[in-house]
PDB file of N, CA and C in Angstrom:
ATOM      1  N   MET A   1       4.099-115.335 228.306  1.00  0.00           N
ATOM      2  CA  MET A   1       4.787-115.448 227.043  1.00  0.00           C
ATOM      3  C   MET A   1       4.921-116.929 226.704  1.00  0.00           C
ATOM      4  N   GLN A   2       4.715-117.257 225.461  1.00  0.00           N
ATOM      5  CA  GLN A   2       4.789-118.640 225.000  1.00  0.00           C
ATOM      6  C   GLN A   2       6.027-118.803 224.126  1.00  0.00           C
ATOM      7  N   PHE A   3       6.722-119.916 224.258  1.00  0.00           N
ATOM      8  CA  PHE A   3       7.937-120.175 223.503  1.00  0.00           C
ATOM      9  C   PHE A   3       7.758-121.419 222.647  1.00  0.00           C
ATOM     10  N   GLU A   4       8.346-121.387 221.458  1.00  0.00           N
ATOM     11  CA  GLU A   4       8.386-122.588 220.614  1.00  0.00           C
ATOM     12  C   GLU A   4       9.696-122.596 219.856  1.00  0.00           C
ATOM     13  N   TRP A   5      10.126-123.788 219.452  1.00  0.00           N
ATOM     14  CA  TRP A   5      11.401-123.936 218.765  1.00  0.00           C
ATOM     15  C   TRP A   5      11.387-125.214 217.960  1.00  0.00           C
ATOM     16  N   ASP A   6      12.382-125.355 217.133  1.00  0.00           N
ATOM     17  CA  ASP A   6      12.595-126.546 216.320  1.00  0.00           C
ATOM     18  C   ASP A   6      13.306-127.583 217.200  1.00  0.00           C
ATOM     19  N   GLU A   7      12.734-128.768 217.331  1.00  0.00           N
ATOM     20  CA  GLU A   7      13.294-129.796 218.218  1.00  0.00           C
ATOM     21  C   GLU A   7      14.676-130.268 217.771  1.00  0.00           C
ATOM     22  N   ALA A   8      14.901-130.361 216.451  1.00  0.00           N
ATOM     23  CA  ALA A   8      16.223-130.778 215.968  1.00  0.00           C
ATOM     24  C   ALA A   8      17.278-129.744 216.354  1.00  0.00           C
ATOM     25  N   LYS A   9      16.942-128.471 216.199  1.00  0.00           N
ATOM     26  CA  LYS A   9      17.879-127.403 216.570  1.00  0.00           C
ATOM     27  C   LYS A   9      18.093-127.384 218.090  1.00  0.00           C
ATOM     28  N   ARG A  10      17.052-127.681 218.837  1.00  0.00           N
ATOM     29  CA  ARG A  10      17.182-127.766 220.301  1.00  0.00           C
ATOM     30  C   ARG A  10      18.199-128.832 220.683  1.00  0.00           C
ATOM     31  N   SER A  11      18.096-130.002 220.074  1.00  0.00           N
ATOM     32  CA  SER A  11      19.039-131.091 220.354  1.00  0.00           C
ATOM     33  C   SER A  11      20.460-130.700 219.982  1.00  0.00           C
ATOM     34  N   GLU A  12      20.624-130.034 218.835  1.00  0.00           N
ATOM     35  CA  GLU A  12      21.947-129.559 218.413  1.00  0.00           C
ATOM     36  C   GLU A  12      22.507-128.565 219.423  1.00  0.00           C
ATOM     37  N   ASN A  13      21.664-127.669 219.901  1.00  0.00           N
ATOM     38  CA  ASN A  13      22.104-126.642 220.839  1.00  0.00           C
ATOM     39  C   ASN A  13      22.533-127.252 222.173  1.00  0.00           C
ATOM     40  N   ILE A  14      21.806-128.264 222.623  1.00  0.00           N
ATOM     41  CA  ILE A  14      22.181-128.951 223.863  1.00  0.00           C
ATOM     42  C   ILE A  14      23.542-129.619 223.690  1.00  0.00           C
ATOM     43  N   ALA A  15      23.747-130.298 222.577  1.00  0.00           N
ATOM     44  CA  ALA A  15      25.014-130.986 222.334  1.00  0.00           C
ATOM     45  C   ALA A  15      26.178-130.005 222.190  1.00  0.00           C
ATOM     46  N   LYS A  16      25.947-128.913 221.496  1.00  0.00           N
ATOM     47  CA  LYS A  16      27.022-127.957 221.193  1.00  0.00           C
ATOM     48  C   LYS A  16      27.312-127.007 222.351  1.00  0.00           C
ATOM     49  N   HIS A  17      26.259-126.483 223.004  1.00  0.00           N
ATOM     50  CA  HIS A  17      26.439-125.436 224.011  1.00  0.00           C
ATOM     51  C   HIS A  17      26.023-125.846 225.423  1.00  0.00           C
ATOM     52  N   ARG A  18      25.416-127.040 225.560  1.00  0.00           N
ATOM     53  CA  ARG A  18      24.876-127.523 226.836  1.00  0.00           C
ATOM     54  C   ARG A  18      23.812-126.578 227.389  1.00  0.00           C
ATOM     55  N   ILE A  19      23.060-125.939 226.485  1.00  0.00           N
ATOM     56  CA  ILE A  19      21.953-125.070 226.875  1.00  0.00           C
ATOM     57  C   ILE A  19      20.685-125.581 226.203  1.00  0.00           C
ATOM     58  N   ASP A  20      19.676-125.844 227.015  1.00  0.00           N
ATOM     59  CA  ASP A  20      18.388-126.323 226.521  1.00  0.00           C
ATOM     60  C   ASP A  20      17.472-125.121 226.301  1.00  0.00           C
ATOM     61  N   PHE A  21      16.889-125.024 225.118  1.00  0.00           N
ATOM     62  CA  PHE A  21      15.966-123.924 224.833  1.00  0.00           C
ATOM     63  C   PHE A  21      14.853-123.843 225.886  1.00  0.00           C
ATOM     64  N   ALA A  22      14.476-124.980 226.453  1.00  0.00           N
ATOM     65  CA  ALA A  22      13.413-124.995 227.461  1.00  0.00           C
ATOM     66  C   ALA A  22      13.806-124.210 228.711  1.00  0.00           C
ATOM     67  N   ASP A  23      15.103-124.068 228.974  1.00  0.00           N
ATOM     68  CA  ASP A  23      15.574-123.326 230.143  1.00  0.00           C
ATOM     69  C   ASP A  23      15.723-121.832 229.876  1.00  0.00           C
ATOM     70  N   VAL A  24      15.809-121.453 228.617  1.00  0.00           N
ATOM     71  CA  VAL A  24      16.095-120.059 228.253  1.00  0.00           C
ATOM     72  C   VAL A  24      14.962-119.119 228.646  1.00  0.00           C
ATOM     73  N   SER A  25      13.759-119.617 228.795  1.00  0.00           N
ATOM     74  CA  SER A  25      12.634-118.745 229.160  1.00  0.00           C
ATOM     75  C   SER A  25      12.891-117.993 230.462  1.00  0.00           C
ATOM     76  N   GLU A  26      13.696-118.562 231.354  1.00  0.00           N
ATOM     77  CA  GLU A  26      13.992-117.877 232.618  1.00  0.00           C
ATOM     78  C   GLU A  26      14.771-116.580 232.391  1.00  0.00           C
ATOM     79  N   MET A  27      15.463-116.455 231.267  1.00  0.00           N
ATOM     80  CA  MET A  27      16.190-115.216 230.966  1.00  0.00           C
ATOM     81  C   MET A  27      15.229-114.034 230.849  1.00  0.00           C
ATOM     82  N   PHE A  28      14.019-114.298 230.389  1.00  0.00           N
ATOM     83  CA  PHE A  28      13.042-113.234 230.166  1.00  0.00           C
ATOM     84  C   PHE A  28      12.394-112.755 231.472  1.00  0.00           C
ATOM     85  N   ASP A  29      12.683-113.444 232.572  1.00  0.00           N
ATOM     86  CA  ASP A  29      12.181-113.038 233.885  1.00  0.00           C
ATOM     87  C   ASP A  29      13.199-112.202 234.651  1.00  0.00           C
ATOM     88  N   ARG A  30      14.359-111.981 234.046  1.00  0.00           N
ATOM     89  CA  ARG A  30      15.446-111.244 234.691  1.00  0.00           C
ATOM     90  C   ARG A  30      15.834-110.058 233.819  1.00  0.00           C
ATOM     91  N   PRO A  31      16.626-109.132 234.386  1.00  0.00           N
ATOM     92  CA  PRO A  31      17.111-108.025 233.551  1.00  0.00           C
ATOM     93  C   PRO A  31      17.918-108.558 232.362  1.00  0.00           C
ATOM     94  N   MET A  32      17.674-107.974 231.197  1.00  0.00           N
ATOM     95  CA  MET A  32      18.363-108.422 229.989  1.00  0.00           C
ATOM     96  C   MET A  32      18.589-107.215 229.085  1.00  0.00           C
ATOM     97  N   LEU A  33      19.779-107.115 228.533  1.00  0.00           N
ATOM     98  CA  LEU A  33      20.089-106.087 227.549  1.00  0.00           C
ATOM     99  C   LEU A  33      19.611-106.598 226.199  1.00  0.00           C
ATOM    100  N   THR A  34      18.727-105.872 225.535  1.00  0.00           N
ATOM    101  CA  THR A  34      18.192-106.313 224.244  1.00  0.00           C
ATOM    102  C   THR A  34      18.422-105.254 223.180  1.00  0.00           C
ATOM    103  N   GLU A  35      18.596-105.738 221.958  1.00  0.00           N
ATOM    104  CA  GLU A  35      18.791-104.856 220.816  1.00  0.00           C
ATOM    105  C   GLU A  35      18.308-105.576 219.566  1.00  0.00           C
ATOM    106  N   ILE A  36      17.821-104.813 218.597  1.00  0.00           N
ATOM    107  CA  ILE A  36      17.391-105.396 217.330  1.00  0.00           C
ATOM    108  C   ILE A  36      18.618-105.978 216.622  1.00  0.00           C
ATOM    109  N   ASP A  37      18.474-107.132 216.024  1.00  0.00           N
ATOM    110  CA  ASP A  37      19.564-107.793 215.296  1.00  0.00           C
ATOM    111  C   ASP A  37      19.608-107.236 213.884  1.00  0.00           C
ATOM    112  N   GLN A  38      20.612-106.429 213.595  1.00  0.00           N
ATOM    113  CA  GLN A  38      20.735-105.789 212.286  1.00  0.00           C
ATOM    114  C   GLN A  38      21.907-106.338 211.485  1.00  0.00           C
ATOM    115  N   ARG A  39      22.368-107.536 211.822  1.00  0.00           N
ATOM    116  CA  ARG A  39      23.521-108.101 211.123  1.00  0.00           C
ATOM    117  C   ARG A  39      23.227-108.367 209.657  1.00  0.00           C
ATOM    118  N   THR A  40      21.981-108.688 209.349  1.00  0.00           N
ATOM    119  CA  THR A  40      21.568-108.941 207.970  1.00  0.00           C
ATOM    120  C   THR A  40      20.052-108.782 207.899  1.00  0.00           C
ATOM    121  N   ASP A  41      19.498-108.790 206.697  1.00  0.00           N
ATOM    122  CA  ASP A  41      18.044-108.696 206.534  1.00  0.00           C
ATOM    123  C   ASP A  41      17.459-110.102 206.621  1.00  0.00           C
ATOM    124  N   TYR A  42      16.766-110.377 207.702  1.00  0.00           N
ATOM    125  CA  TYR A  42      16.172-111.693 207.922  1.00  0.00           C
ATOM    126  C   TYR A  42      14.750-111.786 207.391  1.00  0.00           C
ATOM    127  N   GLY A  43      14.199-110.662 206.950  1.00  0.00           N
ATOM    128  CA  GLY A  43      12.822-110.650 206.492  1.00  0.00           C
ATOM    129  C   GLY A  43      11.818-110.567 207.630  1.00  0.00           C
ATOM    130  N   GLU A  44      12.316-110.397 208.854  1.00  0.00           N
ATOM    131  CA  GLU A  44      11.491-110.251 210.045  1.00  0.00           C
ATOM    132  C   GLU A  44      12.343-109.563 211.107  1.00  0.00           C
ATOM    133  N   ASP A  45      11.710-108.980 212.098  1.00  0.00           N
ATOM    134  CA  ASP A  45      12.462-108.389 213.201  1.00  0.00           C
ATOM    135  C   ASP A  45      12.994-109.495 214.097  1.00  0.00           C
ATOM    136  N   ARG A  46      14.302-109.461 214.336  1.00  0.00           N
ATOM    137  CA  ARG A  46      14.940-110.402 215.249  1.00  0.00           C
ATOM    138  C   ARG A  46      15.605-109.606 216.353  1.00  0.00           C
ATOM    139  N   TRP A  47      15.610-110.157 217.526  1.00  0.00           N
ATOM    140  CA  TRP A  47      16.183-109.497 218.689  1.00  0.00           C
ATOM    141  C   TRP A  47      17.321-110.325 219.260  1.00  0.00           C
ATOM    142  N   ILE A  48      18.320-109.633 219.805  1.00  0.00           N
ATOM    143  CA  ILE A  48      19.428-110.268 220.518  1.00  0.00           C
ATOM    144  C   ILE A  48      19.331-109.821 221.970  1.00  0.00           C
ATOM    145  N   GLY A  49      19.455-110.755 222.875  1.00  0.00           N
ATOM    146  CA  GLY A  49      19.447-110.426 224.295  1.00  0.00           C
ATOM    147  C   GLY A  49      20.648-111.032 224.990  1.00  0.00           C
ATOM    148  N   ILE A  50      21.217-110.279 225.905  1.00  0.00           N
ATOM    149  CA  ILE A  50      22.305-110.769 226.747  1.00  0.00           C
ATOM    150  C   ILE A  50      21.789-110.696 228.177  1.00  0.00           C
ATOM    151  N   GLY A  51      21.785-111.840 228.833  1.00  0.00           N
ATOM    152  CA  GLY A  51      21.238-111.863 230.178  1.00  0.00           C
ATOM    153  C   GLY A  51      21.745-113.043 230.980  1.00  0.00           C
ATOM    154  N   PHE A  52      21.125-113.244 232.116  1.00  0.00           N
ATOM    155  CA  PHE A  52      21.556-114.280 233.045  1.00  0.00           C
ATOM    156  C   PHE A  52      20.781-115.573 232.820  1.00  0.00           C
ATOM    157  N   LEU A  53      21.527-116.669 232.798  1.00  0.00           N
ATOM    158  CA  LEU A  53      20.941-118.007 232.684  1.00  0.00           C
ATOM    159  C   LEU A  53      21.676-118.903 233.671  1.00  0.00           C
ATOM    160  N   ARG A  54      20.934-119.482 234.564  1.00  0.00           N
ATOM    161  CA  ARG A  54      21.511-120.263 235.661  1.00  0.00           C
ATOM    162  C   ARG A  54      22.517-119.388 236.408  1.00  0.00           C
ATOM    163  N   ASN A  55      23.776-119.814 236.478  1.00  0.00           N
ATOM    164  CA  ASN A  55      24.797-119.046 237.202  1.00  0.00           C
ATOM    165  C   ASN A  55      25.757-118.338 236.261  1.00  0.00           C
ATOM    166  N   GLY A  56      25.316-118.057 235.044  1.00  0.00           N
ATOM    167  CA  GLY A  56      26.192-117.412 234.083  1.00  0.00           C
ATOM    168  C   GLY A  56      25.442-116.433 233.205  1.00  0.00           C
ATOM    169  N   VAL A  57      26.123-116.023 232.160  1.00  0.00           N
ATOM    170  CA  VAL A  57      25.569-115.076 231.195  1.00  0.00           C
ATOM    171  C   VAL A  57      25.404-115.812 229.872  1.00  0.00           C
ATOM    172  N   ALA A  58      24.307-115.542 229.168  1.00  0.00           N
ATOM    173  CA  ALA A  58      24.042-116.192 227.886  1.00  0.00           C
ATOM    174  C   ALA A  58      23.496-115.169 226.897  1.00  0.00           C
ATOM    175  N   VAL A  59      23.596-115.513 225.630  1.00  0.00           N
ATOM    176  CA  VAL A  59      23.049-114.702 224.542  1.00  0.00           C
ATOM    177  C   VAL A  59      21.908-115.490 223.915  1.00  0.00           C
ATOM    178  N   VAL A  60      20.801-114.806 223.663  1.00  0.00           N
ATOM    179  CA  VAL A  60      19.641-115.442 223.041  1.00  0.00           C
ATOM    180  C   VAL A  60      19.188-114.577 221.872  1.00  0.00           C
ATOM    181  N   VAL A  61      18.785-115.211 220.786  1.00  0.00           N
ATOM    182  CA  VAL A  61      18.238-114.508 219.621  1.00  0.00           C
ATOM    183  C   VAL A  61      16.828-115.033 219.414  1.00  0.00           C
ATOM    184  N   TRP A  62      15.875-114.108 219.214  1.00  0.00           N
ATOM    185  CA  TRP A  62      14.484-114.529 219.054  1.00  0.00           C
ATOM    186  C   TRP A  62      13.724-113.583 218.147  1.00  0.00           C
ATOM    187  N   THR A  63      12.566-114.042 217.737  1.00  0.00           N
ATOM    188  CA  THR A  63      11.628-113.240 216.969  1.00  0.00           C
ATOM    189  C   THR A  63      10.249-113.416 217.592  1.00  0.00           C
ATOM    190  N   THR A  64       9.375-112.486 217.348  1.00  0.00           N
ATOM    191  CA  THR A  64       8.013-112.623 217.856  1.00  0.00           C
ATOM    192  C   THR A  64       7.108-113.108 216.740  1.00  0.00           C
ATOM    193  N   LYS A  65       6.087-113.809 217.119  1.00  0.00           N
ATOM    194  CA  LYS A  65       5.128-114.358 216.168  1.00  0.00           C
ATOM    195  C   LYS A  65       3.928-113.423 216.082  1.00  0.00           C
ATOM    196  N   ALA A  66       3.504-113.109 214.881  1.00  0.00           N
ATOM    197  CA  ALA A  66       2.342-112.231 214.689  1.00  0.00           C
ATOM    198  C   ALA A  66       1.084-112.904 215.229  1.00  0.00           C
ATOM    199  N   GLY A  67       0.189-112.082 215.806  1.00  0.00           N
ATOM    200  CA  GLY A  67      -1.087-112.612 216.265  1.00  0.00           C
ATOM    201  C   GLY A  67      -1.048-112.839 217.683  1.00  0.00           C
TER     202      GLY A  67
END
C-alpha cells in the first residue's frame, strides 16, 4: 500500500497532535476497526479507522486513490 499526504497538513498534525503521518502506515499492519465516514458528503468514499499506533490508540481518516 502506498501513502501520500499534504506536507503542510503533516506539519500541522505533528504540531497539534504529535503524530506524524509517516508513522500512521503502521496502523494498517495491525487490527483496526474501520467504517465508512458518513458525517457529510465528501464527494468520495472516506474511511475512519480506530487502531493502535505506537503504545496507544489513534483515529485515522483516509480515502483511496482510483487506479
